[in-house]
Amino acid sequence: MSDSPHTPAAVAVGLVQMRVESPREANVQRALDRISQAADAGAQIVCLPELFAIPYPCQDEDHARFDQAEPIPGPTTGRLADAARRHGVVVVGSIFERRAPGLYHNTAVVLDADGSLAGVYRKMHIPDDPLYYEKFYFTPGDLGFPSFATRHGRLGVGICWDQWFPEAARLLALAGAQILLYPTAIGWLPADRGTSEGDSQHGAWETMIRSHAVANGLFVVAVNRTGREGQLEFWGGSLACDPNGNVLARADRHGEQTLVVPCHLGQIDAVRTHWPFLRDRRIDAYGDLLKRFLD
């Protein structure tokens, strides 16, 4: 897909690190207020955390929580679209999608700066870990790894667990993304917070974000929740990296924070010509990547 003719040389990305509580309306309003604040501070793209409108639903398996899902387009995407149009910003938000009876996804919507729906991404990698029982709720995505042309640049989107997979980041880069955005809900299990194991988990997460930037020569943004929900304490730490993997900005581990980070898109080509990983890929020799394991 070709770039938007309106793609600028530099854009400012807003990272909305927020707590999530009950009820839904309070969370949606908090997100709308943060979008407004980010826009007032110069943001042109604003990314919200994973499933920002509801408390993280996957700490146990509860059929009643399917009632929290909604269609796309739907009430929450409509309000995000209104905010995008009002402020002239691109908005990325993750929604618990009710696609059809018995069919649910963890889905990111990309609303362009005129409020139109630029694209939809359904989470491809679905975890099943203690307190992250997402396979009970979400069907794996079926839309692949597209990029979306917007007024303020071409974006690729993954959701939380997706950010641990280098294959996904590479495919988003190959689809033309200039900025990868990862709405995220990641935190510590009770026994891990404040331990060397917990610090190692946080460090590994940040290393993965930075490594995607380096390996693909583009900007990468991860936007996390913050605060305690049930047994999970989300560790914040939202960050943005440039194509060399340098951390341009990092939020605190605790507390709500909105960052506005300039991304100079011209840096992408400069970095890729100095570190030509895309040029030197041996696509003729990677067929085994399509296998689960090499016997």
C-alpha atoms as a PDB file:
ATOM      1  CA  MET A   1       0.000   0.000   0.000  1.00  0.00           C
ATOM      2  CA  SER A   2       1.262   3.459  -0.798  1.00  0.00           C
ATOM      3  CA  ASP A   3       1.854   6.091   1.819  1.00  0.00           C
ATOM      4  CA  SER A   4      -0.741   8.745   2.441  1.00  0.00           C
ATOM      5  CA  PRO A   5       0.041  11.878   0.405  1.00  0.00           C
ATOM      6  CA  HIS A   6      -0.349  13.819   3.649  1.00  0.00           C
ATOM      7  CA  THR A   7       2.325  11.890   5.568  1.00  0.00           C
ATOM      8  CA  PRO A   8       4.482  14.492   7.370  1.00  0.00           C
ATOM      9  CA  ALA A   9       8.225  14.373   8.041  1.00  0.00           C
ATOM     10  CA  ALA A  10       7.651  14.337  11.802  1.00  0.00           C
ATOM     11  CA  VAL A  11       4.733  13.533  14.049  1.00  0.00           C
ATOM     12  CA  ALA A  12       4.083  13.773  17.777  1.00  0.00           C
ATOM     13  CA  VAL A  13       2.756  10.603  19.405  1.00  0.00           C
ATOM     14  CA  GLY A  14       0.755  10.711  22.635  1.00  0.00           C
ATOM     15  CA  LEU A  15       1.063   7.774  25.046  1.00  0.00           C
ATOM     16  CA  VAL A  16      -1.854   7.618  27.494  1.00  0.00           C
ATOM     17  CA  GLN A  17      -0.837   5.545  30.510  1.00  0.00           C
ATOM     18  CA  MET A  18      -3.984   5.322  32.634  1.00  0.00           C
ATOM     19  CA  ARG A  19      -5.584   3.343  35.413  1.00  0.00           C
ATOM     20  CA  VAL A  20      -8.768   1.423  34.699  1.00  0.00           C
ATOM     21  CA  GLU A  21     -11.597   1.000  37.184  1.00  0.00           C
ATOM     22  CA  SER A  22     -15.328   0.424  37.243  1.00  0.00           C
ATOM     23  CA  PRO A  23     -17.631   1.620  35.785  1.00  0.00           C
ATOM     24  CA  ARG A  24     -16.961   1.667  32.033  1.00  0.00           C
ATOM     25  CA  GLU A  25     -18.184   5.247  31.615  1.00  0.00           C
ATOM     26  CA  ALA A  26     -15.536   6.578  33.983  1.00  0.00           C
ATOM     27  CA  ASN A  27     -12.792   4.848  32.005  1.00  0.00           C
ATOM     28  CA  VAL A  28     -14.058   6.043  28.646  1.00  0.00           C
ATOM     29  CA  GLN A  29     -14.358   9.602  29.929  1.00  0.00           C
ATOM     30  CA  ARG A  30     -10.860   9.413  31.425  1.00  0.00           C
ATOM     31  CA  ALA A  31      -9.522   8.291  28.051  1.00  0.00           C
ATOM     32  CA  LEU A  32     -11.360  11.086  26.228  1.00  0.00           C
ATOM     33  CA  ASP A  33      -9.984  13.643  28.669  1.00  0.00           C
ATOM     34  CA  ARG A  34      -6.463  12.303  28.126  1.00  0.00           C
ATOM     35  CA  ILE A  35      -6.876  12.421  24.350  1.00  0.00           C
ATOM     36  CA  SER A  36      -7.870  16.080  24.690  1.00  0.00           C
ATOM     37  CA  GLN A  37      -4.886  16.806  26.939  1.00  0.00           C
ATOM     38  CA  ALA A  38      -2.475  15.058  24.585  1.00  0.00           C
ATOM     39  CA  ALA A  39      -3.874  16.965  21.600  1.00  0.00           C
ATOM     40  CA  ASP A  40      -3.531  20.256  23.472  1.00  0.00           C
ATOM     41  CA  ALA A  41       0.113  19.337  24.126  1.00  0.00           C
ATOM     42  CA  GLY A  42       0.720  18.828  20.400  1.00  0.00           C
ATOM     43  CA  ALA A  43       0.027  15.121  19.896  1.00  0.00           C
ATOM     44  CA  GLN A  44      -1.104  14.084  16.419  1.00  0.00           C
ATOM     45  CA  ILE A  45      -1.428  10.355  17.159  1.00  0.00           C
ATOM     46  CA  VAL A  46      -2.776   9.164  20.520  1.00  0.00           C
ATOM     47  CA  CYS A  47      -2.590   5.572  21.726  1.00  0.00           C
ATOM     48  CA  LEU A  48      -4.582   4.163  24.663  1.00  0.00           C
ATOM     49  CA  PRO A  49      -3.790   1.016  26.704  1.00  0.00           C
ATOM     50  CA  GLU A  50      -5.180  -2.420  25.935  1.00  0.00           C
ATOM     51  CA  LEU A  51      -8.916  -2.815  26.728  1.00  0.00           C
ATOM     52  CA  PHE A  52      -8.907   0.679  28.221  1.00  0.00           C
ATOM     53  CA  ALA A  53     -12.676   0.865  28.733  1.00  0.00           C
ATOM     54  CA  ILE A  54     -13.041  -2.028  31.187  1.00  0.00           C
ATOM     55  CA  PRO A  55     -11.124  -3.603  34.066  1.00  0.00           C
ATOM     56  CA  TYR A  56      -8.875  -6.337  32.670  1.00  0.00           C
ATOM     57  CA  PRO A  57     -11.389  -9.207  32.311  1.00  0.00           C
ATOM     58  CA  CYS A  58      -9.102 -12.218  31.981  1.00  0.00           C
ATOM     59  CA  GLN A  59      -7.881 -12.882  35.521  1.00  0.00           C
ATOM     60  CA  ASP A  60     -10.395 -15.720  35.697  1.00  0.00           C
ATOM     61  CA  GLU A  61     -12.910 -17.429  33.417  1.00  0.00           C
ATOM     62  CA  ASP A  62     -16.308 -15.825  33.900  1.00  0.00           C
ATOM     63  CA  HIS A  63     -19.028 -16.129  31.264  1.00  0.00           C
ATOM     64  CA  ALA A  64     -20.712 -12.980  32.575  1.00  0.00           C
ATOM     65  CA  ARG A  65     -17.808 -10.877  31.305  1.00  0.00           C
ATOM     66  CA  PHE A  66     -18.799 -11.497  27.691  1.00  0.00           C
ATOM     67  CA  ASP A  67     -21.537  -8.945  28.377  1.00  0.00           C
ATOM     68  CA  GLN A  68     -18.800  -6.295  28.438  1.00  0.00           C
ATOM     69  CA  ALA A  69     -18.066  -6.810  24.739  1.00  0.00           C
ATOM     70  CA  GLU A  70     -19.477  -4.566  22.017  1.00  0.00           C
ATOM     71  CA  PRO A  71     -19.599  -4.448  18.224  1.00  0.00           C
ATOM     72  CA  ILE A  72     -17.249  -2.474  16.011  1.00  0.00           C
ATOM     73  CA  PRO A  73     -18.389   0.093  14.994  1.00  0.00           C
ATOM     74  CA  GLY A  74     -20.080   0.540  18.344  1.00  0.00           C
ATOM     75  CA  PRO A  75     -20.594   2.960  21.229  1.00  0.00           C
ATOM     76  CA  THR A  76     -16.963   3.209  22.339  1.00  0.00           C
ATOM     77  CA  THR A  77     -15.487   3.411  18.851  1.00  0.00           C
ATOM     78  CA  GLY A  78     -18.048   6.091  18.060  1.00  0.00           C
ATOM     79  CA  ARG A  79     -16.872   8.219  20.972  1.00  0.00           C
ATOM     80  CA  LEU A  80     -13.234   7.717  19.994  1.00  0.00           C
ATOM     81  CA  ALA A  81     -14.108   8.746  16.443  1.00  0.00           C
ATOM     82  CA  ASP A  82     -15.780  11.914  17.732  1.00  0.00           C
ATOM     83  CA  ALA A  83     -12.661  12.744  19.766  1.00  0.00           C
ATOM     84  CA  ALA A  84     -10.378  12.084  16.803  1.00  0.00           C
ATOM     85  CA  ARG A  85     -12.447  14.390  14.584  1.00  0.00           C
ATOM     86  CA  ARG A  86     -12.799  17.117  17.224  1.00  0.00           C
ATOM     87  CA  HIS A  87      -9.073  17.282  17.949  1.00  0.00           C
ATOM     88  CA  GLY A  88      -7.713  16.379  14.508  1.00  0.00           C
ATOM     89  CA  VAL A  89      -5.708  13.464  15.900  1.00  0.00           C
ATOM     90  CA  VAL A  90      -5.377   9.786  15.033  1.00  0.00           C
ATOM     91  CA  VAL A  91      -6.624   7.598  17.906  1.00  0.00           C
ATOM     92  CA  VAL A  92      -5.681   3.965  18.550  1.00  0.00           C
ATOM     93  CA  GLY A  93      -7.805   2.058  21.057  1.00  0.00           C
ATOM     94  CA  SER A  94      -8.260  -1.603  21.993  1.00  0.00           C
ATOM     95  CA  ILE A  95     -11.841  -2.899  22.341  1.00  0.00           C
ATOM     96  CA  PHE A  96     -13.412  -6.151  23.595  1.00  0.00           C
ATOM     97  CA  GLU A  97     -15.171  -6.901  20.298  1.00  0.00           C
ATOM     98  CA  ARG A  98     -18.393  -8.881  19.941  1.00  0.00           C
ATOM     99  CA  ARG A  99     -18.150  -9.940  16.320  1.00  0.00           C
ATOM    100  CA  ALA A 100     -20.978 -12.501  16.253  1.00  0.00           C
ATOM    101  CA  PRO A 101     -22.733 -14.809  18.723  1.00  0.00           C
ATOM    102  CA  GLY A 102     -19.965 -16.818  20.404  1.00  0.00           C
ATOM    103  CA  LEU A 103     -17.210 -14.984  18.490  1.00  0.00           C
ATOM    104  CA  TYR A 104     -15.171 -12.386  20.373  1.00  0.00           C
ATOM    105  CA  HIS A 105     -11.860 -10.637  19.712  1.00  0.00           C
ATOM    106  CA  ASN A 106      -9.411  -8.280  21.369  1.00  0.00           C
ATOM    107  CA  THR A 107      -9.422  -5.655  18.648  1.00  0.00           C
ATOM    108  CA  ALA A 108      -7.618  -2.377  18.023  1.00  0.00           C
ATOM    109  CA  VAL A 109      -9.327   0.334  16.034  1.00  0.00           C
ATOM    110  CA  VAL A 110      -7.419   3.090  14.268  1.00  0.00           C
ATOM    111  CA  LEU A 111      -9.515   6.244  13.884  1.00  0.00           C
ATOM    112  CA  ASP A 112      -8.115   8.775  11.443  1.00  0.00           C
ATOM    113  CA  ALA A 113      -7.924  12.463  12.228  1.00  0.00           C
ATOM    114  CA  ASP A 114     -11.282  13.078  10.511  1.00  0.00           C
ATOM    115  CA  GLY A 115     -12.980  10.417  12.649  1.00  0.00           C
ATOM    116  CA  SER A 116     -13.139   7.822   9.890  1.00  0.00           C
ATOM    117  CA  LEU A 117     -12.130   4.220  10.567  1.00  0.00           C
ATOM    118  CA  ALA A 118      -8.658   3.844   9.042  1.00  0.00           C
ATOM    119  CA  GLY A 119      -8.395   0.186   9.993  1.00  0.00           C
ATOM    120  CA  VAL A 120      -9.001  -2.656  12.408  1.00  0.00           C
ATOM    121  CA  TYR A 121      -6.487  -5.100  13.859  1.00  0.00           C
ATOM    122  CA  ARG A 122      -7.481  -8.229  15.781  1.00  0.00           C
ATOM    123  CA  LYS A 123      -4.972  -9.586  18.289  1.00  0.00           C
ATOM    124  CA  MET A 124      -3.197 -12.535  16.710  1.00  0.00           C
ATOM    125  CA  HIS A 125      -1.297 -14.070  19.635  1.00  0.00           C
ATOM    126  CA  ILE A 126      -3.590 -15.025  22.512  1.00  0.00           C
ATOM    127  CA  PRO A 127      -1.942 -15.914  25.848  1.00  0.00           C
ATOM    128  CA  ASP A 128      -3.098 -18.406  28.442  1.00  0.00           C
ATOM    129  CA  ASP A 129      -1.113 -17.797  31.622  1.00  0.00           C
ATOM    130  CA  PRO A 130      -1.953 -17.399  35.303  1.00  0.00           C
ATOM    131  CA  LEU A 131      -4.286 -14.384  35.592  1.00  0.00           C
ATOM    132  CA  TYR A 132      -4.113 -13.900  31.805  1.00  0.00           C
ATOM    133  CA  TYR A 133      -6.717 -16.421  30.646  1.00  0.00           C
ATOM    134  CA  GLU A 134      -7.323 -14.750  27.320  1.00  0.00           C
ATOM    135  CA  LYS A 135      -7.952 -17.924  25.313  1.00  0.00           C
ATOM    136  CA  PHE A 136     -11.246 -18.277  27.193  1.00  0.00           C
ATOM    137  CA  TYR A 137     -12.421 -14.911  25.864  1.00  0.00           C
ATOM    138  CA  PHE A 138     -10.717 -14.110  22.560  1.00  0.00           C
ATOM    139  CA  THR A 139     -10.605 -15.795  19.180  1.00  0.00           C
ATOM    140  CA  PRO A 140      -7.229 -15.301  17.450  1.00  0.00           C
ATOM    141  CA  GLY A 141      -7.252 -12.557  14.860  1.00  0.00           C
ATOM    142  CA  ASP A 142      -7.818 -13.300  11.182  1.00  0.00           C
ATOM    143  CA  LEU A 143      -6.755 -10.024   9.557  1.00  0.00           C
ATOM    144  CA  GLY A 144      -3.002 -10.614   9.460  1.00  0.00           C
ATOM    145  CA  PHE A 145      -0.535  -7.803  10.136  1.00  0.00           C
ATOM    146  CA  PRO A 146      -1.599  -4.819   8.009  1.00  0.00           C
ATOM    147  CA  SER A 147      -0.490  -1.217   8.221  1.00  0.00           C
ATOM    148  CA  PHE A 148      -2.874   1.713   8.038  1.00  0.00           C
ATOM    149  CA  ALA A 149      -2.393   4.989   6.177  1.00  0.00           C
ATOM    150  CA  THR A 150      -3.522   7.955   8.276  1.00  0.00           C
ATOM    151  CA  ARG A 151      -3.226  11.711   8.022  1.00  0.00           C
ATOM    152  CA  HIS A 152      -0.234  11.602  10.365  1.00  0.00           C
ATOM    153  CA  GLY A 153       1.665   8.581   9.092  1.00  0.00           C
ATOM    154  CA  ARG A 154       1.424   4.882   8.321  1.00  0.00           C
ATOM    155  CA  LEU A 155       0.820   2.848  11.462  1.00  0.00           C
ATOM    156  CA  GLY A 156       1.158  -0.783  12.439  1.00  0.00           C
ATOM    157  CA  VAL A 157      -0.635  -2.072  15.522  1.00  0.00           C
ATOM    158  CA  GLY A 158      -0.130  -5.091  17.754  1.00  0.00           C
ATOM    159  CA  ILE A 159      -1.737  -5.793  21.120  1.00  0.00           C
ATOM    160  CA  CYS A 160       0.206  -6.778  24.257  1.00  0.00           C
ATOM    161  CA  TRP A 161       1.254 -10.442  23.783  1.00  0.00           C
ATOM    162  CA  ASP A 162       1.867  -9.653  20.106  1.00  0.00           C
ATOM    163  CA  GLN A 163       4.800  -7.462  21.128  1.00  0.00           C
ATOM    164  CA  TRP A 164       6.884 -10.463  22.166  1.00  0.00           C
ATOM    165  CA  PHE A 165       6.975 -11.924  18.638  1.00  0.00           C
ATOM    166  CA  PRO A 166       9.654 -10.653  16.241  1.00  0.00           C
ATOM    167  CA  GLU A 167       7.823 -12.189  13.283  1.00  0.00           C
ATOM    168  CA  ALA A 168       4.827  -9.928  13.889  1.00  0.00           C
ATOM    169  CA  ALA A 169       6.944  -6.783  14.141  1.00  0.00           C
ATOM    170  CA  ARG A 170       8.799  -7.710  10.942  1.00  0.00           C
ATOM    171  CA  LEU A 171       5.578  -8.275   9.005  1.00  0.00           C
ATOM    172  CA  LEU A 172       4.200  -4.940  10.181  1.00  0.00           C
ATOM    173  CA  ALA A 173       7.414  -3.263   9.028  1.00  0.00           C
ATOM    174  CA  LEU A 174       7.235  -5.020   5.662  1.00  0.00           C
ATOM    175  CA  ALA A 175       3.646  -3.770   5.334  1.00  0.00           C
ATOM    176  CA  GLY A 176       5.038  -0.240   5.411  1.00  0.00           C
ATOM    177  CA  ALA A 177       4.484   0.810   9.012  1.00  0.00           C
ATOM    178  CA  GLN A 178       6.525   3.805  10.128  1.00  0.00           C
ATOM    179  CA  ILE A 179       5.405   3.553  13.749  1.00  0.00           C
ATOM    180  CA  LEU A 180       4.453   0.362  15.599  1.00  0.00           C
ATOM    181  CA  LEU A 181       1.993   0.902  18.444  1.00  0.00           C
ATOM    182  CA  TYR A 182       1.316  -1.711  21.100  1.00  0.00           C
ATOM    183  CA  PRO A 183      -1.659  -1.092  23.400  1.00  0.00           C
ATOM    184  CA  THR A 184      -0.682  -3.144  26.447  1.00  0.00           C
ATOM    185  CA  ALA A 185      -1.900  -4.554  29.752  1.00  0.00           C
ATOM    186  CA  ILE A 186       1.120  -6.122  31.406  1.00  0.00           C
ATOM    187  CA  GLY A 187       2.054  -6.349  35.044  1.00  0.00           C
ATOM    188  CA  TRP A 188       3.294  -8.447  37.905  1.00  0.00           C
ATOM    189  CA  LEU A 189       1.809 -11.470  39.564  1.00  0.00           C
ATOM    190  CA  PRO A 190       1.611 -10.917  43.328  1.00  0.00           C
ATOM    191  CA  ALA A 191       4.707 -12.962  44.138  1.00  0.00           C
ATOM    192  CA  ASP A 192       6.910 -11.228  41.545  1.00  0.00           C
ATOM    193  CA  ARG A 193       6.530  -7.533  42.323  1.00  0.00           C
ATOM    194  CA  GLY A 194       9.627  -6.073  43.969  1.00  0.00           C
ATOM    195  CA  THR A 195      11.747  -9.173  43.311  1.00  0.00           C
ATOM    196  CA  SER A 196      14.656  -9.806  40.974  1.00  0.00           C
ATOM    197  CA  GLU A 197      12.301 -11.987  38.909  1.00  0.00           C
ATOM    198  CA  GLY A 198       9.838  -9.123  38.599  1.00  0.00           C
ATOM    199  CA  ASP A 199      12.585  -6.706  37.584  1.00  0.00           C
ATOM    200  CA  SER A 200      13.798  -9.249  35.028  1.00  0.00           C
ATOM    201  CA  GLN A 201      10.308  -9.505  33.522  1.00  0.00           C
ATOM    202  CA  HIS A 202      10.051  -5.732  33.190  1.00  0.00           C
ATOM    203  CA  GLY A 203      13.532  -5.517  31.693  1.00  0.00           C
ATOM    204  CA  ALA A 204      12.766  -8.247  29.171  1.00  0.00           C
ATOM    205  CA  TRP A 205       9.635  -6.405  28.063  1.00  0.00           C
ATOM    206  CA  GLU A 206      11.480  -3.159  27.459  1.00  0.00           C
ATOM    207  CA  THR A 207      14.284  -5.015  25.678  1.00  0.00           C
ATOM    208  CA  MET A 208      11.775  -6.539  23.257  1.00  0.00           C
ATOM    209  CA  ILE A 209      10.283  -3.144  22.441  1.00  0.00           C
ATOM    210  CA  ARG A 210      13.708  -1.672  21.772  1.00  0.00           C
ATOM    211  CA  SER A 211      14.798  -4.692  19.737  1.00  0.00           C
ATOM    212  CA  HIS A 212      11.815  -4.370  17.371  1.00  0.00           C
ATOM    213  CA  ALA A 213      12.844  -0.773  16.703  1.00  0.00           C
ATOM    214  CA  VAL A 214      16.430  -1.785  15.944  1.00  0.00           C
ATOM    215  CA  ALA A 215      15.686  -4.880  13.867  1.00  0.00           C
ATOM    216  CA  ASN A 216      13.135  -3.075  11.708  1.00  0.00           C
ATOM    217  CA  GLY A 217      14.451   0.491  11.659  1.00  0.00           C
ATOM    218  CA  LEU A 218      11.260   2.235  12.770  1.00  0.00           C
ATOM    219  CA  PHE A 219       9.583   3.851  15.762  1.00  0.00           C
ATOM    220  CA  VAL A 220       7.989   1.606  18.371  1.00  0.00           C
ATOM    221  CA  VAL A 221       5.563   2.703  21.067  1.00  0.00           C
ATOM    222  CA  ALA A 222       4.164   0.591  23.925  1.00  0.00           C
ATOM    223  CA  VAL A 223       1.341   2.029  26.057  1.00  0.00           C
ATOM    224  CA  ASN A 224       0.587   0.188  29.292  1.00  0.00           C
ATOM    225  CA  ARG A 225      -2.043   0.382  32.020  1.00  0.00           C
ATOM    226  CA  THR A 226      -1.117   1.334  35.548  1.00  0.00           C
ATOM    227  CA  GLY A 227      -2.556   0.534  38.967  1.00  0.00           C
ATOM    228  CA  ARG A 228      -3.844  -2.514  40.828  1.00  0.00           C
ATOM    229  CA  GLU A 229      -6.703  -4.576  39.399  1.00  0.00           C
ATOM    230  CA  GLY A 230      -7.608  -7.696  41.304  1.00  0.00           C
ATOM    231  CA  GLN A 231      -4.416  -9.696  41.759  1.00  0.00           C
ATOM    232  CA  LEU A 232      -2.458  -7.890  39.047  1.00  0.00           C
ATOM    233  CA  GLU A 233      -0.415  -4.731  39.429  1.00  0.00           C
ATOM    234  CA  PHE A 234       0.166  -3.231  36.016  1.00  0.00           C
ATOM    235  CA  TRP A 235       3.681  -1.852  35.879  1.00  0.00           C
ATOM    236  CA  GLY A 236       3.211   1.227  33.713  1.00  0.00           C
ATOM    237  CA  GLY A 237       6.537   2.104  32.136  1.00  0.00           C
ATOM    238  CA  SER A 238       5.024   3.085  28.770  1.00  0.00           C
ATOM    239  CA  LEU A 239       7.785   3.999  26.336  1.00  0.00           C
ATOM    240  CA  ALA A 240       8.654   5.173  22.849  1.00  0.00           C
ATOM    241  CA  CYS A 241      11.800   4.198  20.933  1.00  0.00           C
ATOM    242  CA  ASP A 242      13.456   5.568  17.826  1.00  0.00           C
ATOM    243  CA  PRO A 243      14.754   3.400  14.933  1.00  0.00           C
ATOM    244  CA  ASN A 244      18.099   2.969  16.723  1.00  0.00           C
ATOM    245  CA  GLY A 245      16.354   1.585  19.784  1.00  0.00           C
ATOM    246  CA  ASN A 246      17.000   4.685  21.868  1.00  0.00           C
ATOM    247  CA  VAL A 247      14.283   5.338  24.446  1.00  0.00           C
ATOM    248  CA  LEU A 248      12.820   8.726  23.544  1.00  0.00           C
ATOM    249  CA  ALA A 249      10.528   8.844  26.580  1.00  0.00           C
ATOM    250  CA  ARG A 250       9.505   6.538  29.387  1.00  0.00           C
ATOM    251  CA  ALA A 251       6.619   6.888  31.823  1.00  0.00           C
ATOM    252  CA  ASP A 252       6.928   6.093  35.508  1.00  0.00           C
ATOM    253  CA  ARG A 253       6.232   2.570  36.702  1.00  0.00           C
ATOM    254  CA  HIS A 254       3.458   3.876  38.929  1.00  0.00           C
ATOM    255  CA  GLY A 255       0.715   6.378  38.289  1.00  0.00           C
ATOM    256  CA  GLU A 256      -1.084   7.868  35.341  1.00  0.00           C
ATOM    257  CA  GLN A 257       0.951   9.842  32.854  1.00  0.00           C
ATOM    258  CA  THR A 258       0.550  11.191  29.336  1.00  0.00           C
ATOM    259  CA  LEU A 259       3.678  11.554  27.215  1.00  0.00           C
ATOM    260  CA  VAL A 260       3.905  13.426  23.920  1.00  0.00           C
ATOM    261  CA  VAL A 261       6.899  12.269  21.919  1.00  0.00           C
ATOM    262  CA  PRO A 262       8.133  13.711  18.594  1.00  0.00           C
ATOM    263  CA  CYS A 263       9.039  11.081  15.987  1.00  0.00           C
ATOM    264  CA  HIS A 264      11.075  12.311  13.027  1.00  0.00           C
ATOM    265  CA  LEU A 265      10.029   9.932  10.282  1.00  0.00           C
ATOM    266  CA  GLY A 266      12.948  10.859   8.043  1.00  0.00           C
ATOM    267  CA  GLN A 267      15.156   9.003  10.499  1.00  0.00           C
ATOM    268  CA  ILE A 268      13.732   5.702   9.250  1.00  0.00           C
ATOM    269  CA  ASP A 269      15.410   5.792   5.859  1.00  0.00           C
ATOM    270  CA  ALA A 270      18.671   7.116   7.308  1.00  0.00           C
ATOM    271  CA  VAL A 271      18.859   4.302   9.848  1.00  0.00           C
ATOM    272  CA  ARG A 272      17.876   1.602   7.360  1.00  0.00           C
ATOM    273  CA  THR A 273      20.630   2.642   4.975  1.00  0.00           C
ATOM    274  CA  HIS A 274      23.208   2.480   7.781  1.00  0.00           C
ATOM    275  CA  TRP A 275      21.835  -0.732   9.284  1.00  0.00           C
ATOM    276  CA  PRO A 276      20.479  -2.477   6.159  1.00  0.00           C
ATOM    277  CA  PHE A 277      18.817  -5.448   7.827  1.00  0.00           C
ATOM    278  CA  LEU A 278      15.922  -5.371   5.358  1.00  0.00           C
ATOM    279  CA  ARG A 279      18.349  -5.349   2.426  1.00  0.00           C
ATOM    280  CA  ASP A 280      20.339  -8.318   3.701  1.00  0.00           C
ATOM    281  CA  ARG A 281      17.474 -10.581   4.675  1.00  0.00           C
ATOM    282  CA  ARG A 282      17.801 -14.052   3.119  1.00  0.00           C
ATOM    283  CA  ILE A 283      14.177 -14.557   2.218  1.00  0.00           C
ATOM    284  CA  ASP A 284      15.187 -17.572   0.110  1.00  0.00           C
ATOM    285  CA  ALA A 285      16.408 -19.381   3.251  1.00  0.00           C
ATOM    286  CA  TYR A 286      13.634 -18.699   5.779  1.00  0.00           C
ATOM    287  CA  GLY A 287      11.085 -21.286   4.749  1.00  0.00           C
ATOM    288  CA  ASP A 288      11.525 -23.241   7.965  1.00  0.00           C
ATOM    289  CA  LEU A 289      10.027 -20.334   9.890  1.00  0.00           C
ATOM    290  CA  LEU A 290       6.669 -21.680   8.745  1.00  0.00           C
ATOM    291  CA  LYS A 291       7.227 -24.856  10.766  1.00  0.00           C
ATOM    292  CA  ARG A 292       6.317 -25.234  14.434  1.00  0.00           C
ATOM    293  CA  PHE A 293       9.647 -26.926  15.242  1.00  0.00           C
ATOM    294  CA  LEU A 294      12.620 -28.366  13.352  1.00  0.00           C
ATOM    295  CA  ASP A 295      13.019 -32.071  14.077  1.00  0.00           C
END
